[in-house]
Amino acid sequence: MYDGFAETFESHAADGPYNAYYDRPAVLELCGDVRGHRVLDAGCGPGLYGEELVARGARYEGFDVSADMVRAARRRLGDEVPLRVHDLERPLSWVPDDSVDLVVCALALHYVEDRVGALAEFRRALSRQGRVVISTSHPTADWLHSGGSYFEPRHLEDMWPSGLRSRWWHQPLDATLDEFATAGLCLDRLVEVRPVPVMAHRYPEQFATLSTRPWFVAFRLAQPASACGSAFPHVD
């Protein structure tokens, strides 16, 4: 979907309200202290989350279905960071079992048809104390934007000003939680994302909107045997 639009997306997301001052801070906060941890960025985009994770000391690798996005990420992160083109619909065949401390999947899972399959691969790759951090479109935002039944699972579409046609999956919150459980993951934390305070000065109109209605939701997931609710290693 993003091939041909990677540079436009990167320019928008690097300092845009919905990514730089909303989703990205929430996702990175859920990641905690990643020093020395192996982090897999599933749907890495142009490397904006990866840049911060590398700066925080992660042993990082990323992939994206869009070759243009991977090229943008390589320009940002450098040739020494492992990056590849790969579809979340396919198994993570190069990732050994129990080898990853953290999987990050920011604003990508709602584009995937076989979400349970992707989540099950995340679980397979996780170390015993590992975590998965996911952000996605808030189902209430989808419903308010598109109308119809909140409870009806369906594809939604939107046309961005750049000409990119976005198509994603909407479902009620309980269906998403059921998919996590079916994949063998348990909920450690749920965050209905709020904008960071600096957005009030940079993007006051968007700050006012996002302070009163949800747009994205983020989750931290864990292996069932790892005592959900306990801290991720190095997290206070």
Protein backbone atom coordinates (compact mmCIF):
# COMPACT_ATOMS: atom_id res chain seq x y z
CA MET A 1 0.00 0.00 0.00
CA TYR A 2 2.82 2.42 0.84
CA ASP A 3 5.05 1.77 -2.18
CA GLY A 4 5.25 5.08 -3.99
CA PHE A 5 4.19 6.98 -0.86
CA ALA A 6 7.05 6.20 1.55
CA GLU A 7 8.73 9.60 1.30
CA THR A 8 5.41 11.42 1.72
CA PHE A 9 4.54 9.29 4.73
CA GLU A 10 7.99 9.72 6.28
CA SER A 11 7.83 13.49 5.91
CA HIS A 12 4.38 13.57 7.49
CA ALA A 13 5.09 11.13 10.32
CA ALA A 14 8.48 12.48 11.37
CA ASP A 15 6.90 15.56 12.96
CA GLY A 16 3.18 15.02 12.42
CA PRO A 17 0.70 15.19 15.31
CA TYR A 18 -0.68 11.67 15.08
CA ASN A 19 2.70 9.96 15.00
CA ALA A 20 5.38 12.13 16.58
CA TYR A 21 3.22 13.51 19.42
CA TYR A 22 0.67 10.77 19.87
CA ASP A 23 1.34 7.18 18.81
CA ARG A 24 5.14 7.08 18.90
CA PRO A 25 5.51 8.37 22.48
CA ALA A 26 2.85 5.92 23.72
CA VAL A 27 4.45 2.93 21.99
CA LEU A 28 7.94 3.80 23.19
CA GLU A 29 6.70 4.25 26.76
CA LEU A 30 5.19 0.76 26.66
CA CYS A 31 8.48 -0.62 25.35
CA GLY A 32 10.28 0.49 28.51
CA ASP A 33 14.04 0.22 28.86
CA VAL A 34 15.29 -1.77 25.87
CA ARG A 35 19.04 -1.64 26.58
CA GLY A 36 20.68 -4.79 25.32
CA HIS A 37 17.38 -6.39 24.30
CA ARG A 38 16.71 -7.94 20.93
CA VAL A 39 13.85 -5.94 19.42
CA LEU A 40 11.93 -6.94 16.29
CA ASP A 41 10.04 -4.08 14.62
CA ALA A 42 7.20 -5.68 12.65
CA GLY A 43 6.03 -3.15 10.06
CA CYS A 44 8.97 -0.81 10.65
CA GLY A 45 7.90 1.82 8.12
CA PRO A 46 10.58 4.47 7.51
CA GLY A 47 12.38 3.61 10.75
CA LEU A 48 11.06 6.36 13.01
CA TYR A 49 10.40 4.02 15.94
CA GLY A 50 13.55 2.09 15.14
CA GLU A 51 15.69 5.22 15.28
CA GLU A 52 14.61 5.82 18.87
CA LEU A 53 14.91 2.16 19.88
CA VAL A 54 18.46 1.98 18.51
CA ALA A 55 19.34 5.21 20.33
CA ARG A 56 18.06 3.61 23.54
CA GLY A 57 20.42 0.68 23.16
CA ALA A 58 18.26 -2.01 21.56
CA ARG A 59 19.68 -4.78 19.38
CA TYR A 60 17.23 -3.87 16.67
CA GLU A 61 16.01 -5.39 13.43
CA GLY A 62 13.00 -4.47 11.36
CA PHE A 63 10.92 -5.47 8.40
CA ASP A 64 8.13 -4.05 6.29
CA VAL A 65 6.05 -5.30 3.37
CA SER A 66 6.87 -2.10 1.45
CA ALA A 67 10.28 -2.07 -0.23
CA ASP A 68 10.09 1.72 -0.37
CA MET A 69 9.60 1.88 3.39
CA VAL A 70 12.56 -0.43 3.97
CA ARG A 71 14.75 1.78 1.77
CA ALA A 72 13.63 4.82 3.78
CA ALA A 73 14.40 2.99 7.03
CA ARG A 74 17.85 2.03 5.74
CA ARG A 75 18.62 5.65 4.90
CA ARG A 76 17.60 6.63 8.41
CA LEU A 77 19.18 3.76 10.36
CA GLY A 78 22.23 2.89 8.26
CA ASP A 79 23.36 -0.25 6.49
CA GLU A 80 24.57 -1.94 9.69
CA VAL A 81 21.00 -2.31 11.06
CA PRO A 82 19.31 -5.52 9.82
CA LEU A 83 16.25 -4.66 7.71
CA ARG A 84 14.29 -6.73 5.21
CA VAL A 85 11.19 -6.73 3.06
CA HIS A 86 8.70 -9.19 4.53
CA ASP A 87 4.93 -9.57 4.72
CA LEU A 88 3.28 -9.93 8.13
CA GLU A 89 0.95 -12.44 6.51
CA ARG A 90 3.89 -14.86 6.24
CA PRO A 91 5.81 -16.71 9.00
CA LEU A 92 8.91 -15.09 10.48
CA SER A 93 11.01 -17.92 9.13
CA TRP A 94 14.40 -16.36 9.95
CA VAL A 95 13.53 -15.69 13.63
CA PRO A 96 14.31 -18.60 16.00
CA ASP A 97 11.88 -19.65 18.74
CA ASP A 98 12.22 -17.84 22.08
CA SER A 99 14.81 -15.42 20.72
CA VAL A 100 13.21 -11.95 20.84
CA ASP A 101 12.80 -9.79 23.95
CA LEU A 102 10.36 -7.33 22.41
CA VAL A 103 8.19 -7.24 19.29
CA VAL A 104 6.94 -3.80 18.26
CA CYS A 105 4.07 -3.57 15.78
CA ALA A 106 3.01 0.06 15.48
CA LEU A 107 -0.05 0.90 13.38
CA ALA A 108 0.36 -2.14 11.15
CA LEU A 109 -1.69 -5.06 12.49
CA HIS A 110 -5.01 -3.62 11.27
CA TYR A 111 -3.77 -4.02 7.67
CA VAL A 112 -3.24 -7.78 8.15
CA GLU A 113 -5.91 -10.32 7.21
CA ASP A 114 -4.54 -13.20 9.31
CA ARG A 115 -3.94 -11.27 12.50
CA VAL A 116 -4.05 -14.37 14.73
CA GLY A 117 -1.39 -15.98 12.56
CA ALA A 118 0.86 -12.93 12.85
CA LEU A 119 0.31 -12.75 16.61
CA ALA A 120 1.07 -16.45 17.00
CA GLU A 121 4.37 -15.87 15.20
CA PHE A 122 5.16 -13.04 17.62
CA ARG A 123 4.49 -15.39 20.52
CA ARG A 124 6.66 -18.13 19.03
CA ALA A 125 9.55 -15.70 18.64
CA LEU A 126 9.25 -14.27 22.17
CA SER A 127 11.55 -15.19 25.01
CA ARG A 128 9.77 -16.30 28.18
CA GLN A 129 9.81 -12.81 29.69
CA GLY A 130 9.38 -11.04 26.36
CA ARG A 131 6.65 -8.58 25.44
CA VAL A 132 4.72 -7.53 22.35
CA VAL A 133 3.75 -3.86 21.98
CA ILE A 134 1.02 -3.11 19.46
CA SER A 135 -0.76 0.08 18.47
CA THR A 136 -3.75 0.23 16.20
CA SER A 137 -6.74 2.31 15.24
CA HIS A 138 -9.15 2.75 18.15
CA PRO A 139 -12.42 1.00 17.24
CA THR A 140 -14.45 3.89 18.63
CA ALA A 141 -12.62 6.31 16.33
CA ASP A 142 -13.35 4.04 13.38
CA TRP A 143 -17.01 3.93 14.31
CA LEU A 144 -17.34 7.69 14.82
CA HIS A 145 -15.59 8.31 11.52
CA SER A 146 -17.42 5.74 9.41
CA GLY A 147 -20.78 5.24 11.09
CA GLY A 148 -22.73 2.01 10.91
CA SER A 149 -22.52 -0.58 13.64
CA TYR A 150 -19.63 -0.40 16.07
CA PHE A 151 -19.90 -4.18 16.53
CA GLU A 152 -19.78 -5.17 12.85
CA PRO A 153 -16.30 -6.36 11.78
CA ARG A 154 -15.53 -4.94 8.34
CA HIS A 155 -12.94 -3.28 6.15
CA LEU A 156 -12.83 0.51 6.14
CA GLU A 157 -11.23 2.75 3.54
CA ASP A 158 -10.00 6.31 3.46
CA MET A 159 -8.21 8.48 0.91
CA TRP A 160 -5.29 10.52 2.24
CA PRO A 161 -4.55 14.00 0.83
CA SER A 162 -1.42 12.52 -0.78
CA GLY A 163 -3.60 10.18 -2.86
CA LEU A 164 -2.82 7.05 -0.84
CA ARG A 165 -5.85 4.83 -0.38
CA SER A 166 -5.79 3.27 3.09
CA ARG A 167 -7.76 0.08 3.74
CA TRP A 168 -7.81 -1.44 7.22
CA TRP A 169 -9.78 -3.83 9.40
CA HIS A 170 -12.30 -2.58 11.99
CA GLN A 171 -13.62 -4.76 14.79
CA PRO A 172 -14.90 -4.14 18.33
CA LEU A 173 -12.40 -4.12 21.17
CA ASP A 174 -13.46 -7.48 22.58
CA ALA A 175 -12.74 -9.14 19.21
CA THR A 176 -9.20 -7.78 19.28
CA LEU A 177 -8.67 -9.09 22.81
CA ASP A 178 -10.06 -12.47 21.71
CA GLU A 179 -7.47 -12.58 18.91
CA PHE A 180 -4.66 -11.96 21.39
CA ALA A 181 -5.92 -14.84 23.55
CA THR A 182 -6.36 -17.17 20.57
CA ALA A 183 -2.75 -16.52 19.60
CA GLY A 184 -1.65 -17.45 23.12
CA LEU A 185 -0.85 -13.96 24.41
CA CYS A 186 -2.27 -12.27 27.48
CA LEU A 187 -2.90 -8.59 28.08
CA ASP A 188 -0.32 -6.91 30.29
CA ARG A 189 -1.43 -3.31 29.73
CA LEU A 190 -3.91 -1.34 27.60
CA VAL A 191 -3.43 2.36 26.85
CA GLU A 192 -6.02 4.60 25.23
CA VAL A 193 -3.51 6.99 23.78
CA ARG A 194 -3.43 10.67 24.81
CA PRO A 195 -1.36 13.39 23.12
CA VAL A 196 1.84 14.52 24.80
CA PRO A 197 1.64 18.06 26.29
CA VAL A 198 4.02 19.61 23.75
CA MET A 199 1.43 18.96 21.03
CA ALA A 200 -0.70 21.70 22.58
CA HIS A 201 1.82 24.27 21.33
CA ARG A 202 2.82 22.56 18.08
CA TYR A 203 -0.65 21.43 16.93
CA PRO A 204 -3.27 23.04 19.19
CA GLU A 205 -6.30 22.01 17.11
CA GLN A 206 -5.31 18.33 17.00
CA PHE A 207 -4.36 18.43 20.67
CA ALA A 208 -7.85 19.63 21.59
CA THR A 209 -9.44 16.86 19.54
CA LEU A 210 -7.20 14.04 20.77
CA SER A 211 -7.55 15.15 24.38
CA THR A 212 -11.29 14.49 24.30
CA ARG A 213 -11.74 11.49 21.96
CA PRO A 214 -9.64 8.41 21.25
CA TRP A 215 -7.90 7.82 17.94
CA PHE A 216 -5.39 5.04 18.61
CA VAL A 217 -5.15 2.32 21.25
CA ALA A 218 -1.99 0.50 22.35
CA PHE A 219 -1.42 -2.83 24.07
CA ARG A 220 1.44 -4.60 25.80
CA LEU A 221 1.11 -8.39 25.63
CA ALA A 222 3.01 -11.21 27.26
CA GLN A 223 3.38 -14.96 27.38
CA PRO A 224 0.74 -16.43 29.74
CA ALA A 225 3.41 -18.12 31.86
CA SER A 226 5.27 -14.84 32.42
CA ALA A 227 2.82 -13.45 34.99
CA CYS A 228 1.07 -10.64 33.13
CA GLY A 229 1.19 -7.43 35.07
CA SER A 230 4.81 -7.91 36.12
CA ALA A 231 7.41 -5.49 34.86
CA PHE A 232 9.35 -5.92 31.64
CA PRO A 233 13.07 -6.37 32.40
CA HIS A 234 14.68 -3.02 33.34
CA VAL A 235 11.27 -1.27 33.59
CA ASP A 236 10.67 0.47 36.92
